[in-house]
N, C-alpha and C. Protein backbone atom coordinates (compact mmCIF):
# COMPACT_ATOMS: atom_id res chain seq x y z
N MET A 1 -13.42 -8.69 -2.81
CA MET A 1 -12.47 -8.56 -1.27
C MET A 1 -11.04 -8.86 -1.79
N LYS A 2 -10.15 -8.25 -1.29
CA LYS A 2 -8.77 -8.23 -1.39
C LYS A 2 -7.96 -8.41 0.02
N ILE A 3 -7.20 -9.56 -0.19
CA ILE A 3 -6.39 -9.85 1.27
C ILE A 3 -5.05 -10.10 0.93
N LEU A 4 -4.03 -9.70 1.91
CA LEU A 4 -2.57 -9.76 1.38
C LEU A 4 -2.30 -10.95 2.44
N LEU A 5 -1.63 -12.19 2.36
CA LEU A 5 -1.07 -13.07 3.23
C LEU A 5 0.31 -13.16 3.08
N ALA A 6 0.92 -12.74 4.37
CA ALA A 6 2.25 -12.66 4.48
C ALA A 6 2.88 -13.61 5.23
N ASP A 7 3.47 -14.72 5.01
CA ASP A 7 3.98 -15.80 5.67
C ASP A 7 5.06 -16.36 4.72
N ASP A 8 6.18 -16.87 5.23
CA ASP A 8 7.48 -17.27 4.68
C ASP A 8 7.29 -19.01 4.57
N HIS A 9 6.10 -19.51 4.78
CA HIS A 9 5.78 -20.85 4.59
C HIS A 9 5.03 -21.26 3.56
N ALA A 10 5.48 -21.88 2.34
CA ALA A 10 4.63 -21.98 1.31
C ALA A 10 3.54 -22.84 1.34
N LEU A 11 3.85 -23.91 2.16
CA LEU A 11 3.05 -24.85 2.32
C LEU A 11 1.59 -24.38 3.25
N PHE A 12 2.09 -23.32 4.26
CA PHE A 12 1.08 -22.82 4.89
C PHE A 12 -0.08 -21.99 4.07
N ARG A 13 0.68 -21.21 3.28
CA ARG A 13 -0.07 -20.26 2.31
C ARG A 13 -1.09 -20.94 1.45
N ASP A 14 -0.63 -22.30 0.85
CA ASP A 14 -1.30 -23.04 0.20
C ASP A 14 -2.32 -23.42 0.87
N GLY A 15 -2.49 -23.57 2.08
CA GLY A 15 -3.75 -24.10 2.89
C GLY A 15 -4.55 -23.04 3.46
N MET A 16 -3.87 -21.75 3.29
CA MET A 16 -4.65 -20.57 3.79
C MET A 16 -5.42 -20.04 2.61
N ARG A 17 -4.81 -20.16 1.30
CA ARG A 17 -5.52 -19.82 0.24
C ARG A 17 -6.89 -20.68 -0.02
N TYR A 18 -6.66 -21.93 0.51
CA TYR A 18 -8.38 -22.92 0.49
C TYR A 18 -8.97 -22.31 1.45
N VAL A 19 -8.70 -21.91 2.67
CA VAL A 19 -9.61 -21.52 3.58
C VAL A 19 -10.15 -20.13 3.47
N LEU A 20 -9.06 -19.18 2.48
CA LEU A 20 -9.67 -18.03 2.26
C LEU A 20 -10.94 -17.89 1.36
N GLN A 21 -10.71 -18.88 0.40
CA GLN A 21 -11.57 -18.79 -0.91
C GLN A 21 -13.11 -19.08 -0.41
N GLN A 22 -13.27 -19.60 0.69
CA GLN A 22 -14.33 -19.81 1.72
C GLN A 22 -15.25 -18.49 1.87
N LEU A 23 -14.45 -17.30 1.92
CA LEU A 23 -14.83 -16.13 2.54
C LEU A 23 -15.85 -15.79 1.46
N SER A 24 -15.23 -15.71 0.34
CA SER A 24 -16.05 -15.00 -0.76
C SER A 24 -15.49 -15.49 -2.09
N GLY A 25 -16.46 -15.62 -3.06
CA GLY A 25 -16.49 -16.04 -4.30
C GLY A 25 -15.65 -15.26 -5.28
N MET A 26 -15.77 -13.83 -4.84
CA MET A 26 -15.01 -12.84 -5.62
C MET A 26 -13.70 -12.44 -4.70
N LEU A 27 -12.51 -13.10 -4.55
CA LEU A 27 -11.45 -12.96 -3.82
C LEU A 27 -10.12 -12.81 -4.24
N ASP A 28 -9.38 -11.73 -4.29
CA ASP A 28 -8.15 -11.48 -4.75
C ASP A 28 -7.33 -11.84 -3.67
N ILE A 29 -6.38 -12.91 -3.68
CA ILE A 29 -5.28 -12.87 -2.97
C ILE A 29 -3.56 -12.78 -2.96
N LEU A 30 -3.31 -11.62 -2.55
CA LEU A 30 -1.90 -11.46 -2.74
C LEU A 30 -0.83 -11.92 -1.50
N GLU A 31 0.26 -12.45 -2.19
CA GLU A 31 1.05 -13.20 -1.44
C GLU A 31 2.39 -12.60 -1.25
N THR A 32 3.62 -12.73 -0.06
CA THR A 32 4.51 -12.19 0.03
C THR A 32 5.12 -13.13 1.22
N ASP A 33 6.52 -13.46 1.23
CA ASP A 33 7.10 -14.25 2.02
C ASP A 33 8.12 -13.45 3.04
N ASN A 34 8.17 -12.03 2.81
CA ASN A 34 8.87 -11.33 3.95
C ASN A 34 7.96 -10.03 4.23
N PHE A 35 8.52 -9.29 5.36
CA PHE A 35 7.86 -8.20 5.83
C PHE A 35 7.64 -6.71 5.08
N GLN A 36 9.22 -6.77 4.61
CA GLN A 36 9.44 -5.49 3.90
C GLN A 36 8.52 -5.60 2.57
N ASP A 37 8.26 -6.48 1.86
CA ASP A 37 7.44 -6.72 0.67
C ASP A 37 6.03 -6.56 1.42
N CYS A 38 5.77 -6.83 2.26
CA CYS A 38 4.39 -6.94 2.78
C CYS A 38 4.03 -5.34 2.98
N LEU A 39 4.82 -4.63 3.54
CA LEU A 39 4.68 -3.04 3.60
C LEU A 39 4.80 -2.40 2.39
N LYS A 40 5.54 -2.98 1.22
CA LYS A 40 5.51 -2.57 -0.09
C LYS A 40 4.26 -2.73 -0.90
N ILE A 41 3.75 -3.70 -0.75
CA ILE A 41 2.57 -4.56 -1.22
C ILE A 41 1.36 -3.79 -0.79
N ALA A 42 1.27 -3.48 0.51
CA ALA A 42 0.06 -2.64 1.26
C ALA A 42 0.02 -1.28 0.73
N GLY A 43 1.19 -0.82 0.39
CA GLY A 43 1.05 0.66 -0.11
C GLY A 43 0.92 0.61 -1.82
N GLN A 44 1.01 -0.40 -2.44
CA GLN A 44 0.73 -0.34 -3.79
C GLN A 44 -0.93 -0.91 -3.99
N HIS A 45 -1.41 -1.13 -3.00
CA HIS A 45 -3.01 -1.70 -3.19
C HIS A 45 -3.85 -1.03 -1.86
N PRO A 46 -4.22 0.17 -2.12
CA PRO A 46 -4.93 0.88 -1.26
C PRO A 46 -6.34 0.13 -0.91
N ASP A 47 -6.72 -0.52 -1.91
CA ASP A 47 -8.18 -1.30 -1.67
C ASP A 47 -7.97 -2.20 -1.05
N LEU A 48 -6.65 -3.00 -0.29
CA LEU A 48 -6.86 -3.90 0.53
C LEU A 48 -7.87 -4.04 1.60
N ASP A 49 -8.62 -5.24 1.85
CA ASP A 49 -9.45 -5.27 2.96
C ASP A 49 -9.08 -5.86 4.16
N LEU A 50 -7.76 -6.52 3.91
CA LEU A 50 -7.24 -7.44 5.38
C LEU A 50 -5.54 -7.61 5.15
N VAL A 51 -5.27 -7.93 6.15
CA VAL A 51 -3.91 -8.16 6.11
C VAL A 51 -3.48 -9.41 7.14
N LEU A 52 -2.98 -10.39 6.74
CA LEU A 52 -2.86 -11.59 7.68
C LEU A 52 -1.31 -11.66 7.70
N LEU A 53 -0.80 -11.58 8.68
CA LEU A 53 0.73 -11.09 9.04
C LEU A 53 1.30 -12.28 9.85
N ASP A 54 2.39 -13.23 9.51
CA ASP A 54 3.18 -13.81 10.35
C ASP A 54 3.98 -13.03 11.02
N LEU A 55 4.40 -13.29 12.48
CA LEU A 55 4.85 -12.77 13.31
C LEU A 55 6.91 -12.90 13.13
N HIS A 56 6.93 -14.38 12.55
CA HIS A 56 8.30 -14.71 12.36
C HIS A 56 8.53 -14.95 10.93
N MET A 57 9.18 -14.02 10.18
CA MET A 57 9.38 -14.35 8.62
C MET A 57 10.64 -13.48 8.32
N PRO A 58 11.23 -13.42 7.42
CA PRO A 58 12.39 -12.54 6.87
C PRO A 58 12.02 -10.97 7.06
N GLY A 59 12.59 -10.14 7.93
CA GLY A 59 12.51 -8.87 7.92
C GLY A 59 11.58 -8.29 8.87
N SER A 60 10.79 -9.39 9.83
CA SER A 60 9.92 -9.19 10.89
C SER A 60 10.59 -8.84 12.19
N ASP A 61 9.91 -8.36 12.73
CA ASP A 61 10.68 -8.06 14.22
C ASP A 61 9.64 -8.33 15.57
N GLY A 62 8.79 -9.64 15.03
CA GLY A 62 7.96 -9.96 16.04
C GLY A 62 6.74 -9.24 16.10
N PRO A 63 6.18 -9.28 17.52
CA PRO A 63 5.23 -8.49 17.72
C PRO A 63 5.31 -6.97 17.30
N LYS A 64 6.29 -6.51 17.44
CA LYS A 64 6.96 -4.76 16.98
C LYS A 64 6.14 -4.75 15.43
N SER A 65 6.35 -5.53 14.71
CA SER A 65 6.26 -5.55 13.20
C SER A 65 4.32 -5.10 13.08
N VAL A 66 4.03 -5.57 14.08
CA VAL A 66 2.32 -5.09 13.88
C VAL A 66 2.48 -3.45 14.07
N SER A 67 3.37 -2.90 15.09
CA SER A 67 3.10 -1.74 15.41
C SER A 67 3.70 -0.81 13.91
N TYR A 68 4.66 -1.40 13.37
CA TYR A 68 5.29 -0.79 12.28
C TYR A 68 4.21 -0.69 11.32
N PHE A 69 3.30 -1.73 11.06
CA PHE A 69 2.57 -1.89 9.97
C PHE A 69 1.25 -0.89 10.19
N HIS A 70 0.95 -0.76 11.54
CA HIS A 70 -0.49 -0.02 12.09
C HIS A 70 0.24 1.44 12.04
N GLN A 71 1.27 1.52 12.04
CA GLN A 71 1.62 3.11 11.99
C GLN A 71 1.56 3.74 10.58
N ARG A 72 1.94 2.68 9.67
CA ARG A 72 1.98 3.01 8.32
C ARG A 72 0.83 3.12 7.64
N TYR A 73 -0.09 2.05 7.98
CA TYR A 73 -1.57 1.93 7.56
C TYR A 73 -2.29 1.65 8.56
N PRO A 74 -2.70 2.76 9.24
CA PRO A 74 -3.53 2.60 10.60
C PRO A 74 -4.98 2.12 10.45
N GLN A 75 -5.81 2.59 9.17
CA GLN A 75 -7.00 1.92 8.93
C GLN A 75 -7.10 0.50 8.30
N LEU A 76 -6.07 -0.08 8.02
CA LEU A 76 -6.23 -1.29 7.59
C LEU A 76 -6.08 -2.60 8.50
N PRO A 77 -6.95 -3.38 8.77
CA PRO A 77 -7.07 -4.16 9.63
C PRO A 77 -5.86 -5.50 9.68
N VAL A 78 -5.12 -5.53 10.40
CA VAL A 78 -4.13 -6.58 10.42
C VAL A 78 -4.53 -7.97 11.49
N VAL A 79 -4.65 -8.91 11.23
CA VAL A 79 -4.80 -10.09 11.69
C VAL A 79 -3.32 -10.91 11.81
N VAL A 80 -2.89 -11.17 12.90
CA VAL A 80 -1.46 -12.12 13.07
C VAL A 80 -1.97 -13.52 13.19
N VAL A 81 -1.47 -14.24 12.17
CA VAL A 81 -1.65 -15.94 11.82
C VAL A 81 -0.35 -16.38 12.39
N SER A 82 0.02 -17.00 13.57
CA SER A 82 1.16 -17.47 13.86
C SER A 82 1.14 -18.52 14.72
N GLY A 83 2.12 -19.43 14.93
CA GLY A 83 2.47 -20.43 15.59
C GLY A 83 3.07 -19.95 16.82
N GLU A 84 2.85 -18.75 17.33
CA GLU A 84 3.39 -18.21 18.50
C GLU A 84 2.61 -18.65 19.71
N GLU A 85 3.15 -19.40 20.87
CA GLU A 85 2.48 -19.62 21.86
C GLU A 85 2.70 -18.78 23.32
N ALA A 86 3.38 -17.93 22.85
CA ALA A 86 3.91 -17.25 24.17
C ALA A 86 2.42 -16.19 24.55
N LEU A 87 1.75 -16.27 25.68
CA LEU A 87 0.86 -15.22 25.81
C LEU A 87 1.52 -13.91 25.92
N ALA A 88 2.43 -13.48 26.25
CA ALA A 88 2.82 -12.33 26.38
C ALA A 88 3.22 -11.74 25.01
N ASN A 89 3.51 -12.24 24.06
CA ASN A 89 3.63 -12.06 22.68
C ASN A 89 2.32 -11.86 21.99
N MET A 90 1.33 -12.56 22.38
CA MET A 90 -0.11 -12.56 21.72
C MET A 90 -0.75 -10.97 22.33
N GLU A 91 -0.33 -10.77 23.58
CA GLU A 91 -0.95 -9.41 23.93
C GLU A 91 -0.20 -8.21 23.40
N LYS A 92 1.14 -8.48 23.39
CA LYS A 92 2.05 -7.35 22.83
C LYS A 92 1.37 -7.08 21.25
N ALA A 93 1.13 -8.05 20.52
CA ALA A 93 0.58 -7.89 19.00
C ALA A 93 -0.67 -7.27 19.34
N MET A 94 -1.31 -7.54 20.10
CA MET A 94 -2.78 -6.71 20.22
C MET A 94 -2.41 -5.24 20.65
N ASN A 95 -1.89 -5.31 21.77
CA ASN A 95 -1.54 -3.90 21.95
C ASN A 95 -0.98 -2.89 21.02
N TYR A 96 -0.33 -3.53 20.27
CA TYR A 96 0.67 -2.99 19.02
C TYR A 96 -0.51 -2.70 17.76
N GLY A 97 -1.90 -3.10 17.66
CA GLY A 97 -2.58 -2.62 17.01
C GLY A 97 -3.35 -3.82 15.99
N ALA A 98 -3.12 -5.08 16.53
CA ALA A 98 -3.67 -5.99 15.72
C ALA A 98 -5.18 -6.39 15.90
N ALA A 99 -5.75 -6.58 14.77
CA ALA A 99 -7.24 -6.73 15.06
C ALA A 99 -7.76 -8.06 15.33
N GLY A 100 -6.66 -8.94 15.28
CA GLY A 100 -6.70 -10.26 15.62
C GLY A 100 -5.49 -11.11 16.14
N PHE A 101 -5.70 -12.47 16.41
CA PHE A 101 -4.68 -13.31 16.58
C PHE A 101 -5.21 -14.62 16.52
N ILE A 102 -4.63 -15.26 15.56
CA ILE A 102 -5.14 -16.54 15.34
C ILE A 102 -4.03 -17.45 15.22
N SER A 103 -4.19 -18.74 16.05
CA SER A 103 -3.26 -19.62 16.00
C SER A 103 -3.31 -20.71 14.80
N LYS A 104 -1.95 -20.80 14.47
CA LYS A 104 -1.94 -21.59 13.57
C LYS A 104 -2.50 -22.94 13.47
N SER A 105 -2.51 -23.30 15.08
CA SER A 105 -3.17 -24.58 15.11
C SER A 105 -4.72 -24.59 15.20
N SER A 106 -5.25 -23.70 14.62
CA SER A 106 -6.66 -23.60 14.93
C SER A 106 -7.20 -24.29 13.82
N SER A 107 -8.60 -24.70 13.75
CA SER A 107 -9.23 -25.34 12.65
C SER A 107 -9.53 -24.39 11.70
N ALA A 108 -9.80 -24.78 10.27
CA ALA A 108 -10.45 -24.05 9.25
C ALA A 108 -11.44 -23.08 9.79
N GLN A 109 -12.41 -23.65 10.36
CA GLN A 109 -13.75 -23.18 10.67
C GLN A 109 -13.30 -22.10 11.73
N THR A 110 -12.60 -22.04 12.65
CA THR A 110 -12.00 -21.07 13.40
C THR A 110 -11.54 -19.87 12.92
N MET A 111 -10.76 -20.17 11.91
CA MET A 111 -10.03 -19.27 11.19
C MET A 111 -11.02 -18.76 10.54
N LEU A 112 -12.12 -19.45 9.80
CA LEU A 112 -13.31 -18.47 8.97
C LEU A 112 -13.93 -17.53 9.98
N ASP A 113 -14.39 -18.02 11.17
CA ASP A 113 -15.25 -17.62 11.78
C ASP A 113 -14.46 -16.15 12.28
N ALA A 114 -13.06 -16.23 12.83
CA ALA A 114 -12.19 -15.10 13.27
C ALA A 114 -12.39 -14.12 12.23
N LEU A 115 -11.97 -14.36 10.98
CA LEU A 115 -11.81 -13.64 9.87
C LEU A 115 -13.08 -12.70 9.64
N LYS A 116 -14.18 -13.55 9.62
CA LYS A 116 -15.35 -12.82 9.52
C LYS A 116 -15.81 -11.72 10.29
N LEU A 117 -15.52 -12.12 11.65
CA LEU A 117 -15.42 -11.01 13.11
C LEU A 117 -14.81 -9.59 12.72
N VAL A 118 -13.52 -10.12 12.16
CA VAL A 118 -12.56 -8.90 12.04
C VAL A 118 -13.17 -8.34 10.72
N LEU A 119 -13.37 -8.70 9.63
CA LEU A 119 -14.13 -8.09 8.48
C LEU A 119 -15.34 -7.38 8.66
N SER A 120 -16.13 -7.69 9.69
CA SER A 120 -17.30 -6.73 10.20
C SER A 120 -16.99 -5.90 11.42
N GLY A 121 -15.62 -5.68 11.42
CA GLY A 121 -15.36 -4.57 12.53
C GLY A 121 -14.97 -4.95 13.84
N GLY A 122 -15.03 -6.44 14.18
CA GLY A 122 -14.91 -6.91 15.41
C GLY A 122 -13.45 -7.19 15.64
N VAL A 123 -13.25 -7.90 16.80
CA VAL A 123 -11.64 -8.10 17.13
C VAL A 123 -11.90 -9.56 17.51
N TYR A 124 -10.60 -10.35 17.08
CA TYR A 124 -10.83 -11.61 17.28
C TYR A 124 -9.48 -12.14 18.44
N LEU A 125 -9.89 -12.71 19.47
CA LEU A 125 -8.54 -13.13 20.59
C LEU A 125 -8.78 -14.51 20.59
N PRO A 126 -7.33 -15.07 20.76
CA PRO A 126 -7.39 -16.58 21.11
C PRO A 126 -8.14 -16.93 22.41
N PRO A 127 -8.55 -18.06 22.79
CA PRO A 127 -8.88 -18.43 24.19
C PRO A 127 -7.90 -18.19 25.22
N GLU A 128 -6.57 -18.31 24.88
CA GLU A 128 -5.51 -18.34 25.81
C GLU A 128 -5.50 -16.75 26.61
N ILE A 129 -5.99 -15.55 25.43
CA ILE A 129 -6.00 -14.36 26.09
C ILE A 129 -6.88 -14.00 27.14
N LEU A 130 -8.33 -14.64 26.41
CA LEU A 130 -9.43 -14.39 27.17
C LEU A 130 -9.53 -14.99 28.49
N ARG A 131 -8.44 -16.20 28.88
CA ARG A 131 -8.69 -16.65 29.96
C ARG A 131 -7.67 -16.00 30.92
N GLN A 132 -6.81 -15.17 30.68
CA GLN A 132 -6.12 -14.44 31.43
C GLN A 132 -6.39 -13.07 31.91
N PRO A 133 -6.09 -12.49 33.03
CA PRO A 133 -6.27 -11.16 33.56
C PRO A 133 -5.31 -10.35 32.63
N VAL A 134 -5.76 -9.37 31.76
CA VAL A 134 -5.02 -8.79 30.76
C VAL A 134 -4.41 -7.61 31.51
N ALA A 135 -3.42 -7.19 31.39
CA ALA A 135 -2.63 -5.83 31.61
C ALA A 135 -3.13 -5.25 33.10
N GLU A 136 -3.96 -6.01 33.98
CA GLU A 136 -4.06 -5.54 35.09
C GLU A 136 -4.00 -6.23 36.40
N ALA A 137 -2.70 -6.93 36.20
CA ALA A 137 -1.91 -7.74 37.35
C ALA A 137 -2.04 -7.15 38.81
N ALA A 138 -1.91 -5.71 38.72
CA ALA A 138 -1.97 -5.05 40.16
C ALA A 138 -3.36 -4.44 40.38
N ASP A 139 -4.34 -4.78 39.71
CA ASP A 139 -5.56 -4.32 39.87
C ASP A 139 -6.43 -5.58 40.43
N LYS A 140 -6.33 -5.98 41.56
CA LYS A 140 -6.96 -7.17 41.92
C LYS A 140 -8.45 -7.27 42.10
N ARG A 141 -8.96 -6.11 41.70
CA ARG A 141 -10.50 -6.24 41.54
C ARG A 141 -11.07 -6.93 40.49
N SER A 142 -9.99 -6.87 39.45
CA SER A 142 -10.43 -7.13 38.00
C SER A 142 -10.33 -8.75 38.17
N LEU A 143 -10.17 -9.53 38.98
CA LEU A 143 -10.16 -10.94 39.11
C LEU A 143 -11.40 -11.25 39.49
N HIS A 144 -12.29 -10.40 39.81
CA HIS A 144 -13.74 -10.74 40.44
C HIS A 144 -14.81 -10.19 39.28
N THR A 145 -15.55 -11.26 38.97
CA THR A 145 -16.54 -10.77 38.24
C THR A 145 -18.05 -10.65 38.76
N ASN A 146 -19.05 -10.13 37.98
CA ASN A 146 -20.19 -9.78 38.60
C ASN A 146 -21.23 -11.13 38.02
N GLY A 147 -22.45 -10.73 38.25
CA GLY A 147 -23.43 -11.86 38.03
C GLY A 147 -23.22 -12.13 36.52
N TYR A 148 -22.94 -11.66 35.88
CA TYR A 148 -22.86 -11.80 34.48
C TYR A 148 -21.40 -12.10 33.84
N GLY A 149 -20.58 -12.37 34.67
CA GLY A 149 -19.26 -12.94 34.31
C GLY A 149 -18.49 -11.80 33.88
N LEU A 150 -18.55 -10.49 34.00
CA LEU A 150 -17.80 -9.35 33.74
C LEU A 150 -17.07 -8.74 35.03
N THR A 151 -15.59 -8.44 34.63
CA THR A 151 -14.97 -7.98 35.64
C THR A 151 -15.03 -6.55 35.65
N PRO A 152 -14.84 -5.74 36.75
CA PRO A 152 -14.82 -4.19 37.02
C PRO A 152 -14.47 -3.40 35.81
N ARG A 153 -13.07 -4.05 35.42
CA ARG A 153 -12.70 -3.23 34.04
C ARG A 153 -13.50 -3.34 33.11
N GLN A 154 -13.90 -4.66 32.79
CA GLN A 154 -14.89 -5.06 31.30
C GLN A 154 -16.20 -4.37 31.53
N MET A 155 -16.71 -4.10 32.55
CA MET A 155 -17.95 -3.54 32.82
C MET A 155 -17.71 -2.10 32.81
N GLU A 156 -16.40 -1.45 33.13
CA GLU A 156 -15.96 0.11 32.82
C GLU A 156 -16.05 0.21 31.24
N VAL A 157 -15.27 -0.75 30.64
CA VAL A 157 -15.18 -0.45 29.34
C VAL A 157 -16.58 -0.69 28.45
N LEU A 158 -17.19 -1.31 29.10
CA LEU A 158 -18.73 -1.57 28.69
C LEU A 158 -19.71 -0.43 28.85
N GLN A 159 -19.58 0.31 29.93
CA GLN A 159 -20.21 1.62 30.17
C GLN A 159 -19.73 2.84 29.08
N HIS A 160 -18.35 2.54 28.76
CA HIS A 160 -17.93 3.89 28.00
C HIS A 160 -18.41 3.36 26.41
N LEU A 161 -18.47 2.03 26.16
CA LEU A 161 -18.86 1.72 24.84
C LEU A 161 -20.06 2.05 24.54
N CYS A 162 -21.06 2.03 25.55
CA CYS A 162 -22.55 2.13 25.59
C CYS A 162 -22.87 3.80 25.48
N ALA A 163 -21.64 4.66 25.84
CA ALA A 163 -21.86 5.95 25.76
C ALA A 163 -21.53 6.43 24.31
N GLY A 164 -20.83 5.62 23.57
CA GLY A 164 -20.68 6.00 21.90
C GLY A 164 -19.33 5.97 21.95
N MET A 165 -18.37 5.54 23.05
CA MET A 165 -16.88 6.15 22.67
C MET A 165 -16.22 5.08 21.91
N SER A 166 -15.19 5.22 20.93
CA SER A 166 -14.49 4.50 20.27
C SER A 166 -13.49 4.39 21.08
N ASN A 167 -12.67 2.70 20.63
CA ASN A 167 -11.55 2.24 21.44
C ASN A 167 -10.70 3.31 21.90
N LYS A 168 -10.16 4.27 20.78
CA LYS A 168 -9.27 5.34 21.07
C LYS A 168 -9.62 6.14 22.13
N GLU A 169 -10.99 6.63 22.23
CA GLU A 169 -11.52 7.42 23.34
C GLU A 169 -11.52 6.89 24.64
N ILE A 170 -11.65 5.33 24.71
CA ILE A 170 -11.99 4.61 25.97
C ILE A 170 -10.44 4.61 26.64
N ALA A 171 -9.66 4.24 25.54
CA ALA A 171 -8.31 4.31 26.26
C ALA A 171 -7.74 5.30 26.62
N SER A 172 -8.01 6.51 26.16
CA SER A 172 -7.59 7.79 26.51
C SER A 172 -8.36 8.34 28.06
N HIS A 173 -9.54 7.91 28.01
CA HIS A 173 -10.41 8.09 29.23
C HIS A 173 -10.09 7.45 30.83
N ILE A 174 -9.61 5.80 30.15
CA ILE A 174 -9.26 5.27 31.48
C ILE A 174 -7.77 5.12 31.34
N HIS A 175 -7.08 5.44 30.73
CA HIS A 175 -5.60 5.71 30.70
C HIS A 175 -5.00 4.09 30.50
N LEU A 176 -5.33 3.41 29.35
CA LEU A 176 -5.03 2.14 28.95
C LEU A 176 -4.34 2.27 27.48
N ALA A 177 -3.51 1.12 26.87
CA ALA A 177 -3.17 1.17 25.63
C ALA A 177 -4.43 0.71 24.73
N GLU A 178 -4.64 1.17 23.59
CA GLU A 178 -5.84 1.02 22.84
C GLU A 178 -6.08 -0.43 22.58
N GLY A 179 -4.99 -0.89 22.33
CA GLY A 179 -4.69 -2.50 22.23
C GLY A 179 -5.24 -3.32 23.37
N THR A 180 -5.21 -2.61 24.59
CA THR A 180 -5.67 -3.42 25.73
C THR A 180 -7.14 -3.25 25.76
N VAL A 181 -7.56 -2.20 25.46
CA VAL A 181 -9.03 -1.66 25.37
C VAL A 181 -9.81 -2.97 24.35
N LYS A 182 -8.99 -2.78 23.13
CA LYS A 182 -9.59 -4.32 22.14
C LYS A 182 -9.83 -5.37 22.95
N ILE A 183 -8.86 -5.78 23.68
CA ILE A 183 -9.06 -7.25 24.50
C ILE A 183 -10.26 -7.07 25.41
N HIS A 184 -10.35 -6.07 26.05
CA HIS A 184 -11.41 -6.18 27.14
C HIS A 184 -12.77 -6.29 26.18
N VAL A 185 -12.76 -5.16 24.84
CA VAL A 185 -14.09 -5.09 24.49
C VAL A 185 -14.19 -6.53 23.84
N ALA A 186 -13.60 -7.39 23.44
CA ALA A 186 -13.53 -8.61 22.95
C ALA A 186 -13.99 -9.60 24.01
N ALA A 187 -13.49 -9.52 25.21
CA ALA A 187 -13.90 -10.27 26.19
C ALA A 187 -15.29 -10.15 26.57
N VAL A 188 -15.80 -8.64 26.46
CA VAL A 188 -16.86 -8.54 26.74
C VAL A 188 -17.94 -9.13 25.54
N TYR A 189 -17.58 -9.27 24.47
CA TYR A 189 -18.41 -9.81 23.57
C TYR A 189 -18.86 -11.02 23.66
N GLN A 190 -17.52 -11.61 23.95
CA GLN A 190 -17.59 -13.11 24.39
C GLN A 190 -18.65 -13.55 25.50
N THR A 191 -18.33 -12.76 26.58
CA THR A 191 -19.11 -12.93 27.76
C THR A 191 -20.69 -12.86 27.49
N LEU A 192 -21.03 -11.84 26.86
CA LEU A 192 -22.25 -11.30 26.34
C LEU A 192 -22.92 -12.02 25.20
N LYS A 193 -21.78 -12.85 24.64
CA LYS A 193 -22.18 -13.52 23.56
C LYS A 193 -22.82 -12.73 22.19
N VAL A 194 -22.12 -11.53 21.91
CA VAL A 194 -22.25 -10.71 20.93
C VAL A 194 -21.21 -10.73 20.11
N ASN A 195 -21.65 -10.26 18.73
CA ASN A 195 -20.37 -9.70 17.91
C ASN A 195 -20.39 -8.54 17.22
N SER A 196 -21.16 -7.40 18.05
CA SER A 196 -20.55 -6.00 17.44
C SER A 196 -20.93 -5.20 18.54
N ARG A 197 -20.62 -3.96 18.57
CA ARG A 197 -20.95 -2.89 19.35
C ARG A 197 -22.29 -2.80 19.78
N LEU A 198 -23.16 -2.54 18.58
CA LEU A 198 -24.65 -2.39 18.74
C LEU A 198 -25.13 -3.45 19.43
N GLU A 199 -24.78 -4.58 19.14
CA GLU A 199 -25.29 -5.94 19.96
C GLU A 199 -24.85 -5.82 21.17
N ALA A 200 -23.62 -5.22 21.60
CA ALA A 200 -23.34 -5.23 23.51
C ALA A 200 -24.21 -4.09 23.81
N VAL A 201 -24.41 -3.15 23.41
CA VAL A 201 -25.15 -2.24 23.56
C VAL A 201 -26.70 -2.66 24.12
N ARG A 202 -27.41 -3.31 22.99
CA ARG A 202 -28.23 -3.79 23.19
C ARG A 202 -28.58 -4.89 24.30
N ALA A 203 -27.42 -5.86 24.50
CA ALA A 203 -27.18 -6.83 25.42
C ALA A 203 -27.23 -5.98 26.84
N ALA A 204 -26.65 -4.98 26.93
CA ALA A 204 -26.42 -4.43 28.13
C ALA A 204 -27.63 -3.64 28.81
N GLU A 205 -28.22 -3.09 27.77
CA GLU A 205 -29.63 -2.34 28.23
C GLU A 205 -30.58 -3.44 28.45
N HIS A 206 -30.70 -4.62 27.98
CA HIS A 206 -31.66 -5.65 28.08
C HIS A 206 -31.25 -6.22 29.63
N LEU A 207 -29.87 -6.21 29.77
CA LEU A 207 -29.64 -6.83 31.17
C LEU A 207 -29.64 -5.83 32.33
N GLY A 208 -29.68 -4.86 31.98
CA GLY A 208 -29.81 -3.69 32.97
C GLY A 208 -28.32 -3.16 33.53
N LEU A 209 -27.35 -3.36 32.53
CA LEU A 209 -26.12 -3.07 32.93
C LEU A 209 -25.56 -1.66 32.75
N VAL A 210 -26.48 -0.65 32.12
CA VAL A 210 -25.80 0.69 31.67
C VAL A 210 -26.25 1.66 32.75
N GLY A 211 -25.12 1.90 33.30
CA GLY A 211 -25.38 2.98 34.51
C GLY A 211 -25.06 1.92 35.80
N VAL A 212 -24.75 0.74 35.59
CA VAL A 212 -24.40 -0.16 36.87
C VAL A 212 -22.96 0.38 37.63
N PRO A 213 -22.96 0.48 38.74
CA PRO A 213 -21.54 0.87 39.22
C PRO A 213 -20.59 -0.27 38.86
N TYR A 214 -19.37 0.06 38.39
CA TYR A 214 -18.13 -1.20 38.23
C TYR A 214 -17.24 -1.04 39.11
N GLY A 215 -17.24 -0.11 40.03
CA GLY A 215 -15.95 -0.26 40.97
C GLY A 215 -16.23 -1.36 42.35
């Protein structure tokens, strides 16, 4: 496994190396302290499995940096690891294509669990985002949940997920940003206590949620 760690604080990188080494016995960790080198290194190592990106380091443009990276390397999962506390910036990073957002104040175990989820193809979101109505302030219906704790929008996303649609296809179908769909999918996973699309579909079928009206 090969991971690129981009952060301008050497002490934090030292701590992250210790955490990351618990992911795999065969781990190659590449490091940089600025965004431009992060882009360059990613191009030099097409076998990277994951990029951990700080939002605030030399050459970075905050959440938009995720967009720059995602446009150049769309298949490479990027997880933001940041001390950023503004909910709006967390949401922007996800909308720009991040596969996860981990607070630097998180415990080592939380970071490990989050990275394992992303490496398995999932999306990790901090509790701060999942506790908020996301990108639906004008849709008051989304504030109401059904008997399983899912909002109408989350039910809509779940139905399309069960139909085999990708996040990109769901986003196009219901006219949302792909990053916003990722947030809803992650919220569905948390509510149904699952970690993958397959598990979500099985849970939905078991609970009788497939084909249930979501309006």
